[in-house]
Amino acid sequence: MHKVLLAVRVIQKGELVGYCSHQLTLPFAPFPGLRFEQGTSCKLWETMTGSELAPAVERVIFDLDEEQFVCIFNVDIPLRASFWYDDVDLTPGTVSAVGEYFRHIPITR
């Protein structure tokens, strides 16, 4: 079994809005292009506007300190599903724990 963190960065109009994440265990190592879905109990990728996204894993990182895989996603609408944990509020000059995983991934404008 593999410990996996799903890390999501929300970007709107080229600006960082926030981060959210969810930790889980998988019986396989994740890979770029993989899509995660959930049954009918919860719309995993439901947004604040009520639409539903279907993003694929953009990048997979292995965190040696945490001994976990990190699946990187970028979305353009904040997620609403209770599945996700919102990261700390962004304040100028600070970087959140989840945000650290995005430090080498520029925001495309």
C-alpha atoms as a PDB file:
ATOM      1  CA  MET A   1       0.000   0.000   0.000  1.00  0.00           C
ATOM      2  CA  HIS A   2       1.170   3.527  -0.821  1.00  0.00           C
ATOM      3  CA  LYS A   3       0.500   6.701   1.146  1.00  0.00           C
ATOM      4  CA  VAL A   4      -0.697   9.410  -1.271  1.00  0.00           C
ATOM      5  CA  LEU A   5      -1.501  13.105  -0.878  1.00  0.00           C
ATOM      6  CA  LEU A   6      -3.774  14.665  -3.494  1.00  0.00           C
ATOM      7  CA  ALA A   7      -2.619  18.300  -3.636  1.00  0.00           C
ATOM      8  CA  VAL A   8      -4.765  20.835  -5.494  1.00  0.00           C
ATOM      9  CA  ARG A   9      -3.824  24.407  -6.390  1.00  0.00           C
ATOM     10  CA  VAL A  10      -6.683  26.736  -7.336  1.00  0.00           C
ATOM     11  CA  ILE A  11      -5.740  29.400  -9.889  1.00  0.00           C
ATOM     12  CA  GLN A  12      -8.192  31.946 -11.298  1.00  0.00           C
ATOM     13  CA  LYS A  13      -7.229  34.474 -13.975  1.00  0.00           C
ATOM     14  CA  GLY A  14      -3.538  33.755 -13.405  1.00  0.00           C
ATOM     15  CA  GLU A  15      -3.747  34.398  -9.657  1.00  0.00           C
ATOM     16  CA  LEU A  16      -3.377  31.890  -6.840  1.00  0.00           C
ATOM     17  CA  VAL A  17      -6.648  31.510  -4.911  1.00  0.00           C
ATOM     18  CA  GLY A  18      -5.744  28.677  -2.539  1.00  0.00           C
ATOM     19  CA  TYR A  19      -4.887  25.049  -1.945  1.00  0.00           C
ATOM     20  CA  CYS A  20      -6.752  21.970  -0.784  1.00  0.00           C
ATOM     21  CA  SER A  21      -5.722  18.381  -0.234  1.00  0.00           C
ATOM     22  CA  HIS A  22      -6.737  14.897   0.809  1.00  0.00           C
ATOM     23  CA  GLN A  23      -4.625  12.024   2.065  1.00  0.00           C
ATOM     24  CA  LEU A  24      -5.388   8.417   1.157  1.00  0.00           C
ATOM     25  CA  THR A  25      -3.807   5.009   0.681  1.00  0.00           C
ATOM     26  CA  LEU A  26      -3.642   3.292  -2.696  1.00  0.00           C
ATOM     27  CA  PRO A  27      -2.685  -0.272  -3.642  1.00  0.00           C
ATOM     28  CA  PHE A  28      -0.517   1.089  -6.494  1.00  0.00           C
ATOM     29  CA  ALA A  29       1.817   4.008  -7.155  1.00  0.00           C
ATOM     30  CA  PRO A  30       0.032   6.947  -8.842  1.00  0.00           C
ATOM     31  CA  PHE A  31       1.174   8.293 -12.212  1.00  0.00           C
ATOM     32  CA  PRO A  32       0.635  11.406 -14.383  1.00  0.00           C
ATOM     33  CA  GLY A  33      -2.606  11.292 -16.357  1.00  0.00           C
ATOM     34  CA  LEU A  34      -4.426   9.253 -13.706  1.00  0.00           C
ATOM     35  CA  ARG A  35      -7.933  10.497 -12.900  1.00  0.00           C
ATOM     36  CA  PHE A  36      -9.584  10.019  -9.522  1.00  0.00           C
ATOM     37  CA  GLU A  37     -13.334   9.554  -9.231  1.00  0.00           C
ATOM     38  CA  GLN A  38     -15.627   8.646  -6.368  1.00  0.00           C
ATOM     39  CA  GLY A  39     -18.929   6.778  -6.343  1.00  0.00           C
ATOM     40  CA  THR A  40     -22.287   8.443  -5.810  1.00  0.00           C
ATOM     41  CA  SER A  41     -21.681   9.276  -2.131  1.00  0.00           C
ATOM     42  CA  CYS A  42     -19.860  12.499  -3.013  1.00  0.00           C
ATOM     43  CA  LYS A  43     -18.977  14.380  -6.172  1.00  0.00           C
ATOM     44  CA  LEU A  44     -15.229  14.414  -5.693  1.00  0.00           C
ATOM     45  CA  TRP A  45     -14.516  17.291  -8.067  1.00  0.00           C
ATOM     46  CA  GLU A  46     -17.651  19.399  -7.447  1.00  0.00           C
ATOM     47  CA  THR A  47     -16.889  23.118  -7.536  1.00  0.00           C
ATOM     48  CA  MET A  48     -18.307  26.096  -5.663  1.00  0.00           C
ATOM     49  CA  THR A  49     -20.346  26.921  -8.775  1.00  0.00           C
ATOM     50  CA  GLY A  50     -21.947  23.464  -8.852  1.00  0.00           C
ATOM     51  CA  SER A  51     -20.091  22.253 -11.920  1.00  0.00           C
ATOM     52  CA  GLU A  52     -17.933  19.153 -11.857  1.00  0.00           C
ATOM     53  CA  LEU A  53     -14.326  18.968 -13.022  1.00  0.00           C
ATOM     54  CA  ALA A  54     -12.342  15.929 -14.169  1.00  0.00           C
ATOM     55  CA  PRO A  55      -8.666  16.881 -13.824  1.00  0.00           C
ATOM     56  CA  ALA A  56      -5.865  14.405 -14.385  1.00  0.00           C
ATOM     57  CA  VAL A  57      -2.754  14.145 -12.224  1.00  0.00           C
ATOM     58  CA  GLU A  58      -0.297  16.632 -13.739  1.00  0.00           C
ATOM     59  CA  ARG A  59       2.803  15.552 -11.851  1.00  0.00           C
ATOM     60  CA  VAL A  60       3.737  12.981  -9.210  1.00  0.00           C
ATOM     61  CA  ILE A  61       6.331  13.789  -6.562  1.00  0.00           C
ATOM     62  CA  PHE A  62       7.697  11.444  -3.907  1.00  0.00           C
ATOM     63  CA  ASP A  63       8.235  13.264  -0.599  1.00  0.00           C
ATOM     64  CA  LEU A  64      11.202  11.557   1.084  1.00  0.00           C
ATOM     65  CA  ASP A  65      10.524  13.206   4.458  1.00  0.00           C
ATOM     66  CA  GLU A  66       6.861  12.204   4.613  1.00  0.00           C
ATOM     67  CA  GLU A  67       7.420   8.940   2.709  1.00  0.00           C
ATOM     68  CA  GLN A  68       4.424   9.585   0.490  1.00  0.00           C
ATOM     69  CA  PHE A  69       3.541  10.202  -3.126  1.00  0.00           C
ATOM     70  CA  VAL A  70       2.086  13.641  -3.907  1.00  0.00           C
ATOM     71  CA  CYS A  71      -0.279  13.970  -6.876  1.00  0.00           C
ATOM     72  CA  ILE A  72      -0.311  17.521  -8.241  1.00  0.00           C
ATOM     73  CA  PHE A  73      -3.487  19.050  -9.695  1.00  0.00           C
ATOM     74  CA  ASN A  74      -4.334  22.582 -10.882  1.00  0.00           C
ATOM     75  CA  VAL A  75      -7.966  23.677 -11.120  1.00  0.00           C
ATOM     76  CA  ASP A  76      -9.568  27.027 -11.967  1.00  0.00           C
ATOM     77  CA  ILE A  77     -12.613  26.894  -9.669  1.00  0.00           C
ATOM     78  CA  PRO A  78     -12.504  26.248  -5.882  1.00  0.00           C
ATOM     79  CA  LEU A  79     -13.713  22.793  -4.870  1.00  0.00           C
ATOM     80  CA  ARG A  80     -16.741  22.314  -2.627  1.00  0.00           C
ATOM     81  CA  ALA A  81     -16.866  18.573  -1.866  1.00  0.00           C
ATOM     82  CA  SER A  82     -16.390  17.632   1.792  1.00  0.00           C
ATOM     83  CA  PHE A  83     -13.694  15.193   0.621  1.00  0.00           C
ATOM     84  CA  TRP A  84     -11.181  18.064   0.471  1.00  0.00           C
ATOM     85  CA  TYR A  85      -9.376  19.836   3.304  1.00  0.00           C
ATOM     86  CA  ASP A  86      -8.716  23.513   2.677  1.00  0.00           C
ATOM     87  CA  ASP A  87      -5.184  24.607   3.395  1.00  0.00           C
ATOM     88  CA  VAL A  88      -4.383  27.639   5.547  1.00  0.00           C
ATOM     89  CA  ASP A  89      -5.429  31.078   4.352  1.00  0.00           C
ATOM     90  CA  LEU A  90      -2.814  32.652   2.149  1.00  0.00           C
ATOM     91  CA  THR A  91      -1.071  35.696   3.547  1.00  0.00           C
ATOM     92  CA  PRO A  92       1.666  37.643   1.759  1.00  0.00           C
ATOM     93  CA  GLY A  93       5.116  36.182   2.345  1.00  0.00           C
ATOM     94  CA  THR A  94       3.938  32.785   3.600  1.00  0.00           C
ATOM     95  CA  VAL A  95       3.753  29.423   1.891  1.00  0.00           C
ATOM     96  CA  SER A  96       1.490  26.652   3.107  1.00  0.00           C
ATOM     97  CA  ALA A  97       2.583  23.036   3.573  1.00  0.00           C
ATOM     98  CA  VAL A  98       0.622  21.970   0.489  1.00  0.00           C
ATOM     99  CA  GLY A  99       1.846  25.019  -1.408  1.00  0.00           C
ATOM    100  CA  GLU A 100       5.452  23.871  -0.922  1.00  0.00           C
ATOM    101  CA  TYR A 101       4.841  21.045  -3.392  1.00  0.00           C
ATOM    102  CA  PHE A 102       4.067  23.639  -6.096  1.00  0.00           C
ATOM    103  CA  ARG A 103       7.185  25.763  -5.553  1.00  0.00           C
ATOM    104  CA  HIS A 104       8.835  24.591  -8.804  1.00  0.00           C
ATOM    105  CA  ILE A 105       5.645  24.705 -10.869  1.00  0.00           C
ATOM    106  CA  PRO A 106       4.998  28.194 -12.255  1.00  0.00           C
ATOM    107  CA  ILE A 107       1.521  29.615 -12.653  1.00  0.00           C
ATOM    108  CA  THR A 108       0.866  30.055 -16.355  1.00  0.00           C
ATOM    109  CA  ARG A 109      -0.744  33.387 -17.147  1.00  0.00           C
END
